[in-house]
């Protein structure tokens, strides 16, 4: 995708005038977006009034329609009679378009709404519902359920991300709120994960039997190649879809001689479309590209680590194979910011013999994660004693500082086992531990992946989850 970096003075004004004229013409055809929160017979709902007709609109459909085109089924009231109708909502260049269809009534109507009116009215209706839930024991009118205080809370939070609201004005970085992408795997449950952006997260499932890990990796790699991709994680044949696009947002406009220059800042726009088992709106936000790619990559590898070491009766495949299906030289190259030689074919397969986890305990340095080998031992001289671990030259690895760092954990383990308290500067401990882990990675054979995690005794969450050391 190309971005304008400079333009002659006056050209920008002429382009702006043309666009404003187009918007003015289109908005003459727009209808009022008469959306209202109302209580009927003790139950609240959100209603849209169009030409004497009343549509009952679901709050999840409303909020999600801001970010994604889709088809919905709504109830429409005509002459005191309710009818089901199909409503297709899409965002056009300058408006939102609703097409309403009911063949029984010979009804087909297309209406357009202004951007500002559309988002403002949705935000007002959701804010009213949010306040009502906070102050009263209100009951929703939606028969299919799924409209809970938690759902309305999530809708309300999502609508606070103004940079994702449609606008006729150029988006600039002062309107963007950069947030962390969240993808946490629950290691005590082999299919549960938490996904979201910033403080807008929910839990859902990744069912092994209907996901193709290799397909997921290809979808992910497409993001690195083309800067846009849909990544699909299935839950019983219903996808949680991550729509990700790398974008450049205008940061500064500055004069350059007889021209105007434009500076940009890089972001990743993430939209998370929930599967059918999740009653949540589309969650969307702006993230740091590197943080998103690393978090998603580590999370997908962690999902692969939930597969059985030996193939089970369900035919899910082995952990070693699952891990190999996700592992990607291209993605790791991006995370490490390595330059790619576009004149040379790049490696596509990156199998490892095992994945080593550094997680210090009283009598061990860590564990193997792709096999059931014994825990990893290191002696007082710093020699990693496991014959299966070797450096890039096939020799034993000796790191005295690694033993000294691991040995520090002993008082904390003893205190934990005896029910006593123990104070430790965990942040400093992990700062030194990660530095040693990166030093180990430089000498460790490429036959192994290396991971790092906090010990069981650490409750500080200064290292909230295990990390891949690249």
Protein backbone atom coordinates (compact mmCIF):
# COMPACT_ATOMS: atom_id res chain seq x y z
CA UNK A 1 0.00 0.00 0.00
CA UNK A 2 1.31 3.44 -0.94
CA UNK A 3 1.06 6.63 1.12
CA UNK A 4 1.46 10.20 -0.02
CA UNK A 5 4.68 11.65 1.42
CA UNK A 6 4.50 15.08 -0.18
CA UNK A 7 2.18 17.19 -2.31
CA UNK A 8 2.30 20.61 -3.92
CA UNK A 9 0.65 23.43 -2.02
CA UNK A 10 -2.91 23.95 -3.23
CA UNK A 11 -3.42 20.43 -4.56
CA UNK A 12 -4.55 19.19 -1.14
CA UNK A 13 -7.12 21.98 -0.82
CA UNK A 14 -8.52 21.21 -4.27
CA UNK A 15 -8.83 17.52 -3.41
CA UNK A 16 -10.51 18.35 -0.11
CA UNK A 17 -13.05 20.57 -1.86
CA UNK A 18 -13.92 17.82 -4.33
CA UNK A 19 -14.42 15.28 -1.55
CA UNK A 20 -16.56 17.70 0.48
CA UNK A 21 -18.74 18.32 -2.58
CA UNK A 22 -19.22 14.56 -3.02
CA UNK A 23 -20.10 14.15 0.67
CA UNK A 24 -22.59 16.99 0.45
CA UNK A 25 -24.37 15.40 -2.50
CA UNK A 26 -24.54 12.00 -0.85
CA UNK A 27 -25.73 13.30 2.51
CA UNK A 28 -28.72 14.95 0.83
CA UNK A 29 -30.07 11.43 0.29
CA UNK A 30 -29.46 10.29 3.88
CA UNK A 31 -32.29 9.61 6.32
CA UNK A 32 -32.32 10.48 10.02
CA UNK A 33 -30.95 7.61 12.07
CA UNK A 34 -33.84 7.63 14.55
CA UNK A 35 -32.48 5.05 16.99
CA UNK A 36 -33.88 4.95 20.52
CA UNK A 37 -33.48 2.97 23.72
CA UNK A 38 -36.93 2.31 25.17
CA UNK A 39 -38.66 0.09 27.71
CA UNK A 40 -41.84 -1.72 26.64
CA UNK A 41 -43.86 -3.78 29.14
CA UNK A 42 -40.97 -3.78 31.57
CA UNK A 43 -38.38 -4.92 29.00
CA UNK A 44 -35.84 -2.69 27.32
CA UNK A 45 -34.78 -2.77 23.70
CA UNK A 46 -33.19 -0.63 21.01
CA UNK A 47 -35.56 0.47 18.26
CA UNK A 48 -35.03 2.06 14.87
CA UNK A 49 -37.91 4.12 13.42
CA UNK A 50 -37.99 4.32 9.60
CA UNK A 51 -40.94 5.75 7.64
CA UNK A 52 -43.56 4.70 10.16
CA UNK A 53 -42.04 1.27 10.66
CA UNK A 54 -40.21 0.05 13.76
CA UNK A 55 -37.23 -2.31 13.74
CA UNK A 56 -36.07 -4.09 16.89
CA UNK A 57 -32.27 -3.95 16.64
CA UNK A 58 -29.86 -6.18 18.59
CA UNK A 59 -27.09 -4.22 20.37
CA UNK A 60 -24.39 -6.66 19.20
CA UNK A 61 -25.49 -6.20 15.58
CA UNK A 62 -25.45 -2.44 16.00
CA UNK A 63 -21.97 -2.14 17.47
CA UNK A 64 -20.45 -4.72 15.15
CA UNK A 65 -21.97 -3.02 12.09
CA UNK A 66 -19.62 -0.08 12.63
CA UNK A 67 -16.62 -2.32 11.89
CA UNK A 68 -17.84 -5.01 9.52
CA UNK A 69 -20.45 -5.45 6.79
CA UNK A 70 -22.92 -8.25 7.50
CA UNK A 71 -26.44 -9.59 7.10
CA UNK A 72 -28.78 -9.64 10.10
CA UNK A 73 -32.30 -10.83 10.86
CA UNK A 74 -34.55 -8.37 12.67
CA UNK A 75 -38.19 -8.03 13.66
CA UNK A 76 -40.14 -5.21 12.06
CA UNK A 77 -43.48 -3.85 13.32
CA UNK A 78 -46.02 -2.87 10.66
CA UNK A 79 -49.68 -2.15 11.50
CA UNK A 80 -49.32 -3.68 14.98
CA UNK A 81 -47.99 -6.91 13.45
CA UNK A 82 -44.43 -8.26 13.81
CA UNK A 83 -42.62 -9.68 10.78
CA UNK A 84 -39.14 -11.08 10.36
CA UNK A 85 -36.95 -9.38 7.82
CA UNK A 86 -33.42 -9.55 6.46
CA UNK A 87 -31.28 -6.46 6.91
CA UNK A 88 -27.95 -6.08 5.12
CA UNK A 89 -25.73 -3.39 6.62
CA UNK A 90 -22.64 -2.10 4.85
CA UNK A 91 -20.35 0.88 5.10
CA UNK A 92 -20.09 2.79 1.84
CA UNK A 93 -17.52 5.47 1.07
CA UNK A 94 -19.50 8.24 2.77
CA UNK A 95 -22.44 6.60 4.59
CA UNK A 96 -23.90 3.47 6.16
CA UNK A 97 -26.40 1.66 3.98
CA UNK A 98 -29.22 -0.55 5.26
CA UNK A 99 -31.22 -2.69 2.82
CA UNK A 100 -34.39 -4.12 4.41
CA UNK A 101 -36.11 -7.10 2.76
CA UNK A 102 -39.33 -9.03 3.47
CA UNK A 103 -40.84 -10.88 0.50
CA UNK A 104 -44.11 -11.61 2.33
CA UNK A 105 -44.75 -7.88 2.59
CA UNK A 106 -43.21 -7.12 -0.83
CA UNK A 107 -40.92 -4.85 1.14
CA UNK A 108 -37.52 -3.79 -0.11
CA UNK A 109 -36.12 -0.53 1.13
CA UNK A 110 -32.61 0.93 0.99
CA UNK A 111 -31.72 3.78 3.33
CA UNK A 112 -28.48 5.66 4.02
CA UNK A 113 -27.31 7.26 7.24
CA UNK A 114 -24.62 9.85 7.90
CA UNK A 115 -21.46 8.63 9.63
CA UNK A 116 -21.69 11.06 12.53
CA UNK A 117 -25.39 10.46 13.12
CA UNK A 118 -24.95 6.70 12.94
CA UNK A 119 -22.19 6.34 15.52
CA UNK A 120 -23.56 9.02 17.83
CA UNK A 121 -27.00 7.41 18.08
CA UNK A 122 -25.55 3.92 18.63
CA UNK A 123 -23.27 5.26 21.36
CA UNK A 124 -26.20 7.03 23.04
CA UNK A 125 -28.39 3.90 23.01
CA UNK A 126 -25.62 1.67 24.38
CA UNK A 127 -24.67 4.25 27.02
CA UNK A 128 -28.31 4.40 28.16
CA UNK A 129 -28.49 0.59 28.37
CA UNK A 130 -25.17 0.54 30.23
CA UNK A 131 -26.43 3.06 32.77
CA UNK A 132 -29.73 1.23 33.16
CA UNK A 133 -27.96 -2.01 33.99
CA UNK A 134 -25.82 -0.20 36.53
CA UNK A 135 -28.77 1.34 38.38
CA UNK A 136 -31.74 -1.03 37.90
CA UNK A 137 -32.59 -4.71 37.57
CA UNK A 138 -33.61 -4.28 33.95
CA UNK A 139 -34.67 -7.12 31.65
CA UNK A 140 -33.99 -7.15 27.92
CA UNK A 141 -36.60 -7.86 25.29
CA UNK A 142 -34.27 -9.99 23.17
CA UNK A 143 -35.67 -13.51 23.21
CA UNK A 144 -32.47 -15.18 22.04
CA UNK A 145 -30.74 -14.00 25.21
CA UNK A 146 -27.09 -13.11 25.19
CA UNK A 147 -27.70 -9.50 26.22
CA UNK A 148 -26.17 -9.36 29.67
CA UNK A 149 -24.56 -6.55 31.68
CA UNK A 150 -21.16 -7.95 30.61
CA UNK A 151 -22.11 -7.75 26.93
CA UNK A 152 -23.37 -4.17 27.22
CA UNK A 153 -20.24 -3.27 29.19
CA UNK A 154 -18.09 -4.63 26.35
CA UNK A 155 -20.12 -2.74 23.74
CA UNK A 156 -19.77 0.45 25.77
CA UNK A 157 -15.99 0.03 26.09
CA UNK A 158 -15.55 -0.70 22.40
CA UNK A 159 -17.43 2.44 21.41
CA UNK A 160 -14.87 4.55 23.30
CA UNK A 161 -12.25 3.81 20.62
CA UNK A 162 -12.94 6.92 18.55
CA UNK A 163 -10.12 6.34 16.06
CA UNK A 164 -12.15 3.44 14.64
CA UNK A 165 -15.29 5.52 14.14
CA UNK A 166 -15.94 6.38 10.49
CA UNK A 167 -15.12 9.98 9.65
CA UNK A 168 -14.72 12.25 6.66
CA UNK A 169 -11.64 13.78 8.27
CA UNK A 170 -8.13 12.37 7.95
CA UNK A 171 -7.20 10.24 10.92
CA UNK A 172 -4.11 11.45 12.76
CA UNK A 173 -2.08 9.81 15.49
CA UNK A 174 -3.33 12.16 18.20
CA UNK A 175 -6.69 10.37 17.90
CA UNK A 176 -5.20 6.85 18.09
CA UNK A 177 -5.06 4.95 21.36
CA UNK A 178 -2.43 2.24 21.01
CA UNK A 179 -3.37 -0.87 22.99
CA UNK A 180 -1.90 -4.29 23.61
CA UNK A 181 -3.15 -7.29 21.69
CA UNK A 182 -4.15 -10.06 24.12
CA UNK A 183 -3.84 -13.78 23.36
CA UNK A 184 -3.42 -15.82 26.54
CA UNK A 185 -3.42 -19.61 26.59
CA UNK A 186 -4.69 -21.39 29.71
CA UNK A 187 -2.21 -24.21 30.29
CA UNK A 188 -4.52 -26.06 32.68
CA UNK A 189 -7.09 -26.43 29.89
CA UNK A 190 -5.85 -27.61 26.51
CA UNK A 191 -8.39 -25.67 24.42
CA UNK A 192 -9.25 -22.49 26.33
CA UNK A 193 -7.77 -19.10 25.52
CA UNK A 194 -8.43 -15.41 26.14
CA UNK A 195 -8.38 -12.95 23.28
CA UNK A 196 -8.91 -9.22 22.95
CA UNK A 197 -7.47 -5.75 22.63
CA UNK A 198 -6.60 -3.67 25.69
CA UNK A 199 -9.25 -4.15 28.37
CA UNK A 200 -11.80 -5.69 25.98
CA UNK A 201 -11.21 -9.43 26.24
CA UNK A 202 -13.17 -12.65 26.51
CA UNK A 203 -12.54 -16.38 26.73
CA UNK A 204 -13.32 -18.90 24.03
CA UNK A 205 -12.14 -22.30 22.75
CA UNK A 206 -9.77 -23.73 20.15
CA UNK A 207 -10.93 -27.23 19.24
CA UNK A 208 -8.03 -29.33 17.98
CA UNK A 209 -10.07 -31.65 15.80
CA UNK A 210 -11.36 -29.00 13.40
CA UNK A 211 -8.36 -26.65 13.16
CA UNK A 212 -5.62 -27.01 10.57
CA UNK A 213 -2.50 -25.54 12.18
CA UNK A 214 -0.69 -25.38 8.86
CA UNK A 215 -3.51 -23.32 7.35
CA UNK A 216 -3.36 -20.98 10.34
CA UNK A 217 0.39 -20.54 9.84
CA UNK A 218 -0.09 -19.72 6.14
CA UNK A 219 -2.78 -17.18 7.01
CA UNK A 220 -0.42 -15.63 9.57
CA UNK A 221 2.51 -15.52 7.13
CA UNK A 222 0.30 -13.76 4.59
CA UNK A 223 0.15 -10.84 7.04
CA UNK A 224 3.95 -10.55 6.91
CA UNK A 225 4.00 -10.73 3.10
CA UNK A 226 1.02 -8.52 2.23
CA UNK A 227 0.31 -6.62 5.50
CA UNK A 228 -3.29 -7.80 5.54
CA UNK A 229 -4.83 -11.16 6.45
CA UNK A 230 -7.74 -12.99 8.05
CA UNK A 231 -6.64 -15.62 10.58
CA UNK A 232 -9.32 -18.15 11.54
CA UNK A 233 -9.38 -20.11 14.81
CA UNK A 234 -12.21 -22.62 14.87
CA UNK A 235 -14.41 -23.66 17.78
CA UNK A 236 -16.61 -26.58 16.71
CA UNK A 237 -16.74 -25.39 13.08
CA UNK A 238 -17.41 -21.77 14.03
CA UNK A 239 -14.54 -19.35 13.53
CA UNK A 240 -13.11 -16.64 15.68
CA UNK A 241 -11.65 -14.48 12.90
CA UNK A 242 -8.79 -12.05 13.36
CA UNK A 243 -8.89 -9.42 10.64
CA UNK A 244 -5.48 -7.74 10.80
CA UNK A 245 -4.11 -4.96 8.62
CA UNK A 246 -0.87 -3.03 8.90
CA UNK A 247 -1.63 0.66 8.39
CA UNK A 248 0.22 3.97 8.38
CA UNK A 249 -1.56 6.75 10.27
CA UNK A 250 -0.78 10.40 9.51
CA UNK A 251 1.39 11.84 12.27
CA UNK A 252 2.51 15.29 11.07
CA UNK A 253 1.88 17.69 8.20
CA UNK A 254 4.79 20.04 7.55
CA UNK A 255 5.80 22.56 4.86
CA UNK A 256 8.60 21.49 2.51
CA UNK A 257 9.56 24.37 0.17
CA UNK A 258 6.57 24.77 -2.17
CA UNK A 259 5.05 21.47 -1.01
CA UNK A 260 3.46 19.90 2.01
CA UNK A 261 5.14 16.86 3.60
CA UNK A 262 3.44 14.02 5.45
CA UNK A 263 4.93 11.87 8.23
CA UNK A 264 3.28 8.62 9.32
CA UNK A 265 3.37 6.19 12.22
CA UNK A 266 2.94 2.45 11.81
CA UNK A 267 0.16 0.47 13.52
CA UNK A 268 -1.72 -2.79 13.17
CA UNK A 269 -5.52 -2.50 13.10
CA UNK A 270 -7.07 -5.61 14.64
CA UNK A 271 -10.70 -6.67 14.42
CA UNK A 272 -11.77 -9.80 16.30
CA UNK A 273 -14.98 -11.30 14.93
CA UNK A 274 -16.43 -13.69 17.55
CA UNK A 275 -17.56 -17.22 16.83
CA UNK A 276 -21.24 -18.16 17.19
CA UNK A 277 -20.76 -19.40 20.76
CA UNK A 278 -19.57 -16.01 22.02
CA UNK A 279 -22.06 -13.25 22.75
CA UNK A 280 -19.73 -10.33 22.20
CA UNK A 281 -19.44 -7.48 19.71
CA UNK A 282 -16.56 -7.21 17.28
CA UNK A 283 -13.56 -6.03 19.30
CA UNK A 284 -11.24 -3.72 17.43
CA UNK A 285 -8.27 -1.50 18.14
CA UNK A 286 -4.86 -0.16 17.15
CA UNK A 287 -1.83 -2.19 18.26
CA UNK A 288 1.92 -2.08 17.92
CA UNK A 289 2.79 -4.34 15.00
CA UNK A 290 5.71 -6.14 16.65
CA UNK A 291 3.80 -6.73 19.91
CA UNK A 292 0.85 -8.16 18.02
CA UNK A 293 2.93 -10.51 15.86
CA UNK A 294 5.03 -11.77 18.79
CA UNK A 295 2.01 -12.25 21.09
CA UNK A 296 0.01 -14.10 18.45
CA UNK A 297 2.99 -16.26 17.42
CA UNK A 298 3.85 -17.25 20.99
CA UNK A 299 0.18 -17.95 21.66
CA UNK A 300 -0.22 -20.21 18.61
CA UNK A 301 2.95 -22.12 19.50
CA UNK A 302 1.58 -22.47 23.04
CA UNK A 303 -1.65 -23.92 21.62
CA UNK A 304 0.49 -26.44 19.74
CA UNK A 305 2.21 -27.29 23.03
CA UNK A 306 -1.19 -28.38 24.37
CA UNK A 307 -1.28 -31.31 21.95
CA UNK A 308 -0.37 -34.75 23.38
CA UNK A 309 3.27 -35.85 23.25
CA UNK A 310 2.14 -39.18 21.81
CA UNK A 311 -0.73 -39.42 19.35
CA UNK A 312 -3.95 -40.15 21.23
CA UNK A 313 -7.16 -42.00 20.40
CA UNK A 314 -8.70 -38.80 19.01
CA UNK A 315 -6.15 -38.51 16.21
CA UNK A 316 -5.12 -34.95 17.07
CA UNK A 317 -1.50 -35.65 16.09
CA UNK A 318 1.62 -35.32 18.20
CA UNK A 319 2.88 -32.23 19.92
CA UNK A 320 6.08 -32.28 17.87
CA UNK A 321 4.10 -32.21 14.61
CA UNK A 322 1.69 -29.56 15.86
CA UNK A 323 4.60 -27.34 16.90
CA UNK A 324 6.29 -27.80 13.50
CA UNK A 325 3.09 -26.79 11.71
CA UNK A 326 3.07 -23.38 13.44
CA UNK A 327 6.81 -22.68 13.59
CA UNK A 328 7.71 -20.12 10.91
CA UNK A 329 11.14 -18.76 9.89
CA UNK A 330 9.36 -15.86 8.17
CA UNK A 331 7.50 -14.74 11.30
CA UNK A 332 10.60 -15.12 13.48
CA UNK A 333 12.59 -13.11 10.95
CA UNK A 334 10.01 -10.32 11.24
CA UNK A 335 10.09 -10.37 15.05
CA UNK A 336 13.89 -10.21 15.08
CA UNK A 337 13.83 -7.41 12.45
CA UNK A 338 16.18 -9.33 10.20
CA UNK A 339 16.55 -8.13 6.64
CA UNK A 340 15.24 -10.57 4.04
CA UNK A 341 17.17 -11.30 0.83
CA UNK A 342 14.48 -10.99 -1.82
CA UNK A 343 16.79 -12.53 -4.46
CA UNK A 344 17.11 -15.80 -2.56
CA UNK A 345 14.47 -18.43 -1.78
CA UNK A 346 13.75 -18.38 1.93
CA UNK A 347 13.56 -21.51 4.15
CA UNK A 348 10.02 -22.72 4.67
CA UNK A 349 10.52 -25.57 7.12
CA UNK A 350 12.05 -25.09 10.55
CA UNK A 351 11.60 -28.27 12.54
CA UNK A 352 13.25 -28.53 15.94
CA UNK A 353 14.10 -31.66 17.92
CA UNK A 354 12.69 -30.18 21.11
CA UNK A 355 11.70 -26.97 22.85
CA UNK A 356 13.55 -26.14 26.06
CA UNK A 357 11.78 -24.22 28.81
CA UNK A 358 13.91 -22.35 31.33
CA UNK A 359 11.80 -22.31 34.48
CA UNK A 360 14.06 -22.62 37.53
CA UNK A 361 13.21 -24.98 40.37
CA UNK A 362 15.05 -26.20 43.46
CA UNK A 363 16.83 -29.03 41.68
CA UNK A 364 16.39 -28.32 37.96
CA UNK A 365 16.85 -25.59 35.39
CA UNK A 366 13.77 -26.38 33.34
CA UNK A 367 12.06 -28.93 31.15
CA UNK A 368 11.70 -30.30 27.64
CA UNK A 369 8.31 -29.38 26.18
CA UNK A 370 8.06 -31.57 23.07
CA UNK A 371 9.12 -34.82 24.72
CA UNK A 372 8.84 -36.59 28.07
CA UNK A 373 12.58 -36.43 28.74
CA UNK A 374 13.79 -35.85 32.30
CA UNK A 375 14.06 -32.28 33.67
CA UNK A 376 17.12 -30.27 32.64
CA UNK A 377 19.99 -30.33 35.14
CA UNK A 378 22.94 -27.99 35.51
CA UNK A 379 25.87 -28.70 37.87
CA UNK A 380 27.86 -26.32 40.07
CA UNK A 381 30.36 -25.71 37.24
CA UNK A 382 27.56 -24.50 34.98
CA UNK A 383 27.56 -27.62 32.79
CA UNK A 384 24.14 -28.51 31.35
CA UNK A 385 24.28 -32.23 32.04
CA UNK A 386 21.60 -33.51 29.67
CA UNK A 387 23.28 -35.26 26.74
CA UNK A 388 20.44 -34.17 24.46
CA UNK A 389 21.35 -30.48 24.75
CA UNK A 390 24.34 -29.14 22.82
CA UNK A 391 25.70 -25.99 21.24
CA UNK A 392 26.00 -25.07 17.55
CA UNK A 393 29.12 -27.24 17.29
CA UNK A 394 27.54 -30.28 18.94
CA UNK A 395 29.43 -29.78 22.21
CA UNK A 396 28.27 -29.48 25.84
CA UNK A 397 27.21 -26.04 27.08
CA UNK A 398 28.88 -24.55 30.14
CA UNK A 399 27.45 -21.35 31.66
CA UNK A 400 28.39 -20.80 35.34
CA UNK A 401 26.21 -17.69 35.53
CA UNK A 402 23.21 -19.81 34.56
CA UNK A 403 23.78 -22.12 37.54
CA UNK A 404 24.24 -19.18 39.93
CA UNK A 405 21.01 -17.58 38.70
CA UNK A 406 19.06 -20.85 38.99
CA UNK A 407 20.54 -21.52 42.46
CA UNK A 408 19.06 -18.22 43.76
CA UNK A 409 15.59 -19.74 43.62
CA UNK A 410 16.25 -22.29 46.36
CA UNK A 411 15.26 -20.06 49.37
CA UNK A 412 11.99 -19.12 47.65
CA UNK A 413 11.17 -22.77 46.92
CA UNK A 414 11.91 -23.82 50.51
CA UNK A 415 9.81 -20.97 51.90
CA UNK A 416 6.92 -21.86 49.60
CA UNK A 417 7.04 -25.55 50.52
CA UNK A 418 7.14 -24.80 54.27
CA UNK A 419 4.40 -22.20 54.17
CA UNK A 420 6.68 -19.26 54.96
CA UNK A 421 6.81 -15.90 53.21
CA UNK A 422 9.75 -14.91 51.06
CA UNK A 423 10.60 -11.50 49.65
CA UNK A 424 12.51 -11.25 46.39
CA UNK A 425 13.07 -8.60 43.73
CA UNK A 426 11.50 -10.64 40.96
CA UNK A 427 11.76 -7.87 38.40
CA UNK A 428 15.53 -7.75 38.80
CA UNK A 429 15.73 -11.55 38.89
CA UNK A 430 13.95 -11.83 35.54
CA UNK A 431 15.93 -8.98 34.00
CA UNK A 432 19.11 -10.95 34.68
CA UNK A 433 17.47 -14.26 33.76
CA UNK A 434 16.32 -13.02 30.37
CA UNK A 435 19.78 -11.61 29.63
CA UNK A 436 21.30 -15.03 30.41
CA UNK A 437 18.61 -16.76 28.31
CA UNK A 438 19.49 -14.61 25.30
CA UNK A 439 23.16 -15.46 25.84
CA UNK A 440 22.24 -19.15 25.90
CA UNK A 441 20.21 -18.74 22.71
CA UNK A 442 23.30 -17.44 20.89
CA UNK A 443 25.27 -20.63 21.59
CA UNK A 444 22.42 -23.19 21.64
CA UNK A 445 22.03 -25.37 18.57
CA UNK A 446 19.26 -24.41 16.13
CA UNK A 447 17.91 -27.94 16.77
CA UNK A 448 16.17 -26.46 19.83
CA UNK A 449 13.73 -23.68 20.55
CA UNK A 450 14.28 -21.85 23.82
CA UNK A 451 11.51 -20.54 26.06
CA UNK A 452 11.57 -18.67 29.38
CA UNK A 453 8.97 -18.54 32.15
CA UNK A 454 8.70 -17.43 35.76
CA UNK A 455 9.03 -20.09 38.48
CA UNK A 456 5.96 -21.31 40.33
CA UNK A 457 6.91 -19.29 43.44
CA UNK A 458 6.82 -15.95 41.58
CA UNK A 459 3.40 -14.28 41.95
CA UNK A 460 4.55 -10.83 40.81
CA UNK A 461 3.50 -11.39 37.17
CA UNK A 462 6.53 -9.42 36.03
CA UNK A 463 6.79 -12.24 33.45
CA UNK A 464 3.08 -13.04 32.97
CA UNK A 465 3.53 -15.95 30.53
CA UNK A 466 6.27 -18.00 28.97
CA UNK A 467 8.27 -16.20 26.28
CA UNK A 468 10.03 -17.47 23.18
CA UNK A 469 13.68 -16.42 23.14
CA UNK A 470 14.78 -15.58 19.58
